[in-house]
Amino acid sequence: MHIVKSLQDYLSVLNRFRRIVVIGENCADCHVFLKRYSRCLEGFEIVLLPVNIDDDLLDFFFSIGILGIPIVIIDGKHFWGDINHLGEVVCSSQ
């Protein structure tokens, strides 16, 4: 288990993947996330999935792990990751 204290820590853990799936309610949410963390995300291939988020969809993505590719889920102001819940930790570090 990895415990991370910020998005930077999260990305350093994921460094070996070099690809991140970003799931958001809409394109605007995804782009706000990318703009805010553009420095941290340099060198990563970003896959954007602007979709409506519900529990079934989350269960599906986490169960298959998108072929082992890390996931960041944007739900309002909260960011979730498949290694740790980033939520308030990331929001409070903005």
N, C-alpha and C. Protein backbone atom coordinates (compact mmCIF):
# COMPACT_ATOMS: atom_id res chain seq x y z
N MET A 1 0.84 -1.18 0.00
CA MET A 1 0.00 0.00 0.00
C MET A 1 0.89 1.24 0.00
N HIS A 2 0.53 2.20 -0.82
CA HIS A 2 1.25 3.47 -0.87
C HIS A 2 0.37 4.55 -0.27
N ILE A 3 0.91 5.31 0.66
CA ILE A 3 0.19 6.44 1.23
C ILE A 3 0.83 7.70 0.68
N VAL A 4 0.03 8.52 0.02
CA VAL A 4 0.58 9.73 -0.58
C VAL A 4 -0.02 10.95 0.09
N LYS A 5 0.77 12.02 0.13
CA LYS A 5 0.33 13.24 0.79
C LYS A 5 0.02 14.35 -0.18
N SER A 6 0.34 14.17 -1.44
CA SER A 6 0.06 15.21 -2.43
C SER A 6 0.04 14.57 -3.81
N LEU A 7 -0.42 15.33 -4.77
CA LEU A 7 -0.42 14.81 -6.13
C LEU A 7 1.00 14.54 -6.60
N GLN A 8 1.94 15.36 -6.18
CA GLN A 8 3.33 15.14 -6.57
C GLN A 8 3.83 13.79 -6.08
N ASP A 9 3.49 13.45 -4.83
CA ASP A 9 3.87 12.13 -4.29
C ASP A 9 3.21 11.02 -5.10
N TYR A 10 1.94 11.24 -5.40
CA TYR A 10 1.18 10.25 -6.17
C TYR A 10 1.85 10.01 -7.52
N LEU A 11 2.21 11.09 -8.19
CA LEU A 11 2.81 10.95 -9.51
C LEU A 11 4.19 10.32 -9.44
N SER A 12 4.92 10.56 -8.36
CA SER A 12 6.23 9.93 -8.25
C SER A 12 6.09 8.42 -8.08
N VAL A 13 5.04 8.00 -7.38
CA VAL A 13 4.78 6.56 -7.24
C VAL A 13 4.43 5.97 -8.61
N LEU A 14 3.70 6.75 -9.41
CA LEU A 14 3.24 6.26 -10.71
C LEU A 14 4.26 6.48 -11.83
N ASN A 15 5.40 7.00 -11.49
CA ASN A 15 6.39 7.40 -12.50
C ASN A 15 6.70 6.28 -13.48
N ARG A 16 6.69 5.06 -13.02
CA ARG A 16 7.08 3.96 -13.90
C ARG A 16 6.03 3.68 -14.98
N PHE A 17 4.81 4.18 -14.80
CA PHE A 17 3.76 3.91 -15.78
C PHE A 17 3.83 4.85 -16.99
N ARG A 18 4.10 6.12 -16.74
CA ARG A 18 4.20 7.15 -17.77
C ARG A 18 2.89 7.37 -18.51
N ARG A 19 1.81 6.82 -18.05
CA ARG A 19 0.50 7.06 -18.66
C ARG A 19 -0.53 7.11 -17.54
N ILE A 20 -1.42 8.07 -17.63
CA ILE A 20 -2.45 8.23 -16.61
C ILE A 20 -3.78 8.43 -17.31
N VAL A 21 -4.81 7.77 -16.82
CA VAL A 21 -6.16 7.99 -17.31
C VAL A 21 -6.83 8.99 -16.38
N VAL A 22 -7.35 10.07 -16.95
CA VAL A 22 -8.05 11.09 -16.18
C VAL A 22 -9.53 11.01 -16.55
N ILE A 23 -10.35 10.70 -15.55
CA ILE A 23 -11.79 10.57 -15.77
C ILE A 23 -12.48 11.74 -15.10
N GLY A 24 -13.30 12.47 -15.86
CA GLY A 24 -14.01 13.61 -15.29
C GLY A 24 -15.43 13.67 -15.82
N GLU A 25 -16.26 14.46 -15.13
CA GLU A 25 -17.66 14.60 -15.55
C GLU A 25 -17.77 15.26 -16.92
N ASN A 26 -16.83 16.13 -17.24
CA ASN A 26 -16.87 16.80 -18.55
C ASN A 26 -15.46 17.23 -18.93
N CYS A 27 -15.33 17.67 -20.17
CA CYS A 27 -14.01 18.08 -20.67
C CYS A 27 -13.44 19.24 -19.87
N ALA A 28 -14.30 20.16 -19.45
CA ALA A 28 -13.82 21.33 -18.71
C ALA A 28 -13.13 20.91 -17.42
N ASP A 29 -13.74 19.99 -16.67
CA ASP A 29 -13.13 19.50 -15.43
C ASP A 29 -11.76 18.89 -15.70
N CYS A 30 -11.68 18.09 -16.75
CA CYS A 30 -10.41 17.44 -17.10
C CYS A 30 -9.35 18.48 -17.44
N HIS A 31 -9.74 19.50 -18.19
CA HIS A 31 -8.76 20.50 -18.61
C HIS A 31 -8.33 21.38 -17.44
N VAL A 32 -9.24 21.67 -16.51
CA VAL A 32 -8.86 22.41 -15.31
C VAL A 32 -7.82 21.63 -14.53
N PHE A 33 -8.04 20.33 -14.38
CA PHE A 33 -7.09 19.46 -13.69
C PHE A 33 -5.73 19.49 -14.38
N LEU A 34 -5.74 19.35 -15.70
CA LEU A 34 -4.48 19.31 -16.45
C LEU A 34 -3.74 20.64 -16.36
N LYS A 35 -4.48 21.73 -16.41
CA LYS A 35 -3.84 23.05 -16.33
C LYS A 35 -3.24 23.27 -14.94
N ARG A 36 -4.00 22.91 -13.91
CA ARG A 36 -3.55 23.13 -12.54
C ARG A 36 -2.29 22.32 -12.23
N TYR A 37 -2.21 21.11 -12.76
CA TYR A 37 -1.09 20.23 -12.43
C TYR A 37 -0.18 19.96 -13.63
N SER A 38 -0.12 20.90 -14.56
CA SER A 38 0.64 20.68 -15.79
C SER A 38 2.12 20.38 -15.51
N ARG A 39 2.70 21.05 -14.53
CA ARG A 39 4.12 20.78 -14.22
C ARG A 39 4.33 19.35 -13.74
N CYS A 40 3.43 18.90 -12.87
CA CYS A 40 3.56 17.54 -12.33
C CYS A 40 3.37 16.50 -13.42
N LEU A 41 2.57 16.84 -14.42
CA LEU A 41 2.19 15.87 -15.42
C LEU A 41 3.11 15.85 -16.64
N GLU A 42 4.15 16.68 -16.63
CA GLU A 42 5.07 16.70 -17.76
C GLU A 42 5.68 15.32 -17.97
N GLY A 43 5.70 14.88 -19.21
CA GLY A 43 6.29 13.59 -19.53
C GLY A 43 5.31 12.43 -19.45
N PHE A 44 4.11 12.67 -18.94
CA PHE A 44 3.11 11.61 -18.88
C PHE A 44 2.21 11.66 -20.11
N GLU A 45 1.82 10.50 -20.59
CA GLU A 45 0.79 10.44 -21.62
C GLU A 45 -0.54 10.45 -20.88
N ILE A 46 -1.39 11.41 -21.21
CA ILE A 46 -2.66 11.58 -20.51
C ILE A 46 -3.78 11.08 -21.40
N VAL A 47 -4.63 10.22 -20.86
CA VAL A 47 -5.81 9.74 -21.56
C VAL A 47 -7.02 10.35 -20.86
N LEU A 48 -7.76 11.20 -21.57
CA LEU A 48 -8.93 11.85 -20.97
C LEU A 48 -10.19 11.07 -21.27
N LEU A 49 -10.99 10.84 -20.25
CA LEU A 49 -12.29 10.20 -20.42
C LEU A 49 -13.35 11.10 -19.79
N PRO A 50 -13.93 12.02 -20.55
CA PRO A 50 -14.99 12.86 -20.00
C PRO A 50 -16.32 12.10 -20.03
N VAL A 51 -16.67 11.50 -18.93
CA VAL A 51 -17.88 10.68 -18.86
C VAL A 51 -18.63 11.00 -17.57
N ASN A 52 -19.92 10.68 -17.56
CA ASN A 52 -20.69 10.81 -16.33
C ASN A 52 -20.23 9.73 -15.36
N ILE A 53 -19.93 10.15 -14.15
CA ILE A 53 -19.38 9.23 -13.16
C ILE A 53 -20.50 8.71 -12.27
N ASP A 54 -20.60 7.40 -12.17
CA ASP A 54 -21.51 6.79 -11.20
C ASP A 54 -20.79 5.60 -10.56
N ASP A 55 -21.42 5.04 -9.54
CA ASP A 55 -20.75 3.97 -8.79
C ASP A 55 -20.44 2.76 -9.66
N ASP A 56 -21.35 2.42 -10.57
CA ASP A 56 -21.11 1.27 -11.43
C ASP A 56 -19.90 1.49 -12.33
N LEU A 57 -19.78 2.70 -12.85
CA LEU A 57 -18.64 3.01 -13.71
C LEU A 57 -17.33 2.94 -12.93
N LEU A 58 -17.35 3.50 -11.71
CA LEU A 58 -16.14 3.46 -10.88
C LEU A 58 -15.76 2.03 -10.57
N ASP A 59 -16.74 1.21 -10.20
CA ASP A 59 -16.46 -0.19 -9.91
C ASP A 59 -15.84 -0.88 -11.12
N PHE A 60 -16.38 -0.57 -12.30
CA PHE A 60 -15.86 -1.19 -13.52
C PHE A 60 -14.40 -0.81 -13.75
N PHE A 61 -14.10 0.50 -13.69
CA PHE A 61 -12.74 0.94 -13.96
C PHE A 61 -11.76 0.37 -12.94
N PHE A 62 -12.15 0.37 -11.67
CA PHE A 62 -11.23 -0.13 -10.66
C PHE A 62 -11.08 -1.64 -10.73
N SER A 63 -12.12 -2.34 -11.16
CA SER A 63 -12.02 -3.80 -11.22
C SER A 63 -11.08 -4.25 -12.33
N ILE A 64 -11.12 -3.56 -13.46
CA ILE A 64 -10.22 -3.96 -14.55
C ILE A 64 -8.89 -3.23 -14.46
N GLY A 65 -8.85 -2.13 -13.71
CA GLY A 65 -7.60 -1.38 -13.57
C GLY A 65 -7.10 -0.82 -14.88
N ILE A 66 -7.96 -0.75 -15.87
CA ILE A 66 -7.57 -0.29 -17.21
C ILE A 66 -6.18 -0.81 -17.56
N LEU A 67 -6.06 -2.11 -17.54
CA LEU A 67 -4.81 -2.78 -17.92
C LEU A 67 -3.62 -2.30 -17.12
N GLY A 68 -3.86 -1.99 -15.86
CA GLY A 68 -2.77 -1.59 -14.98
C GLY A 68 -2.36 -0.14 -15.10
N ILE A 69 -3.13 0.64 -15.86
CA ILE A 69 -2.79 2.06 -16.02
C ILE A 69 -3.41 2.85 -14.87
N PRO A 70 -2.65 3.73 -14.24
CA PRO A 70 -3.18 4.51 -13.12
C PRO A 70 -4.35 5.39 -13.55
N ILE A 71 -5.25 5.60 -12.61
CA ILE A 71 -6.46 6.37 -12.87
C ILE A 71 -6.53 7.55 -11.91
N VAL A 72 -6.89 8.72 -12.42
CA VAL A 72 -7.25 9.85 -11.58
C VAL A 72 -8.69 10.18 -11.91
N ILE A 73 -9.54 10.24 -10.90
CA ILE A 73 -10.94 10.53 -11.12
C ILE A 73 -11.25 11.90 -10.53
N ILE A 74 -11.85 12.76 -11.34
CA ILE A 74 -12.19 14.10 -10.89
C ILE A 74 -13.68 14.12 -10.59
N ASP A 75 -14.01 14.37 -9.35
CA ASP A 75 -15.41 14.40 -8.93
C ASP A 75 -15.61 15.71 -8.19
N GLY A 76 -16.06 16.73 -8.89
CA GLY A 76 -16.16 18.05 -8.28
C GLY A 76 -14.77 18.56 -7.98
N LYS A 77 -14.50 18.88 -6.72
CA LYS A 77 -13.19 19.39 -6.34
C LYS A 77 -12.26 18.28 -5.87
N HIS A 78 -12.73 17.05 -5.87
CA HIS A 78 -11.96 15.95 -5.31
C HIS A 78 -11.32 15.12 -6.41
N PHE A 79 -10.10 14.71 -6.17
CA PHE A 79 -9.40 13.84 -7.10
C PHE A 79 -9.18 12.50 -6.40
N TRP A 80 -9.48 11.45 -7.09
CA TRP A 80 -9.32 10.10 -6.54
C TRP A 80 -8.29 9.37 -7.38
N GLY A 81 -7.55 8.50 -6.74
CA GLY A 81 -6.58 7.71 -7.49
C GLY A 81 -6.73 6.25 -7.14
N ASP A 82 -6.23 5.39 -8.00
CA ASP A 82 -6.38 3.97 -7.74
C ASP A 82 -5.35 3.43 -6.77
N ILE A 83 -4.40 4.26 -6.34
CA ILE A 83 -3.50 3.83 -5.27
C ILE A 83 -3.98 4.38 -3.94
N ASN A 84 -4.55 5.57 -3.96
CA ASN A 84 -5.00 6.19 -2.71
C ASN A 84 -6.08 7.21 -3.01
N HIS A 85 -6.90 7.48 -2.02
CA HIS A 85 -7.91 8.52 -2.16
C HIS A 85 -7.20 9.85 -1.98
N LEU A 86 -7.20 10.68 -3.02
CA LEU A 86 -6.45 11.94 -2.95
C LEU A 86 -7.29 13.06 -2.36
N GLY A 87 -8.58 13.03 -2.59
CA GLY A 87 -9.56 13.99 -2.09
C GLY A 87 -9.06 15.24 -1.43
N GLU A 88 -9.28 15.35 -0.13
CA GLU A 88 -8.96 16.57 0.60
C GLU A 88 -7.47 16.86 0.60
N VAL A 89 -6.65 15.84 0.52
CA VAL A 89 -5.21 16.05 0.55
C VAL A 89 -4.77 16.92 -0.62
N VAL A 90 -5.23 16.56 -1.81
CA VAL A 90 -4.86 17.33 -3.00
C VAL A 90 -5.55 18.69 -2.97
N CYS A 91 -6.83 18.71 -2.62
CA CYS A 91 -7.56 19.97 -2.61
C CYS A 91 -6.94 20.97 -1.65
N SER A 92 -6.50 20.50 -0.50
CA SER A 92 -5.94 21.41 0.49
C SER A 92 -4.54 21.87 0.11
N SER A 93 -3.91 21.19 -0.84
CA SER A 93 -2.56 21.59 -1.23
C SER A 93 -2.56 22.55 -2.41
N GLN A 94 -3.74 22.93 -2.88
CA GLN A 94 -3.83 23.83 -4.04
C GLN A 94 -3.39 25.22 -3.66
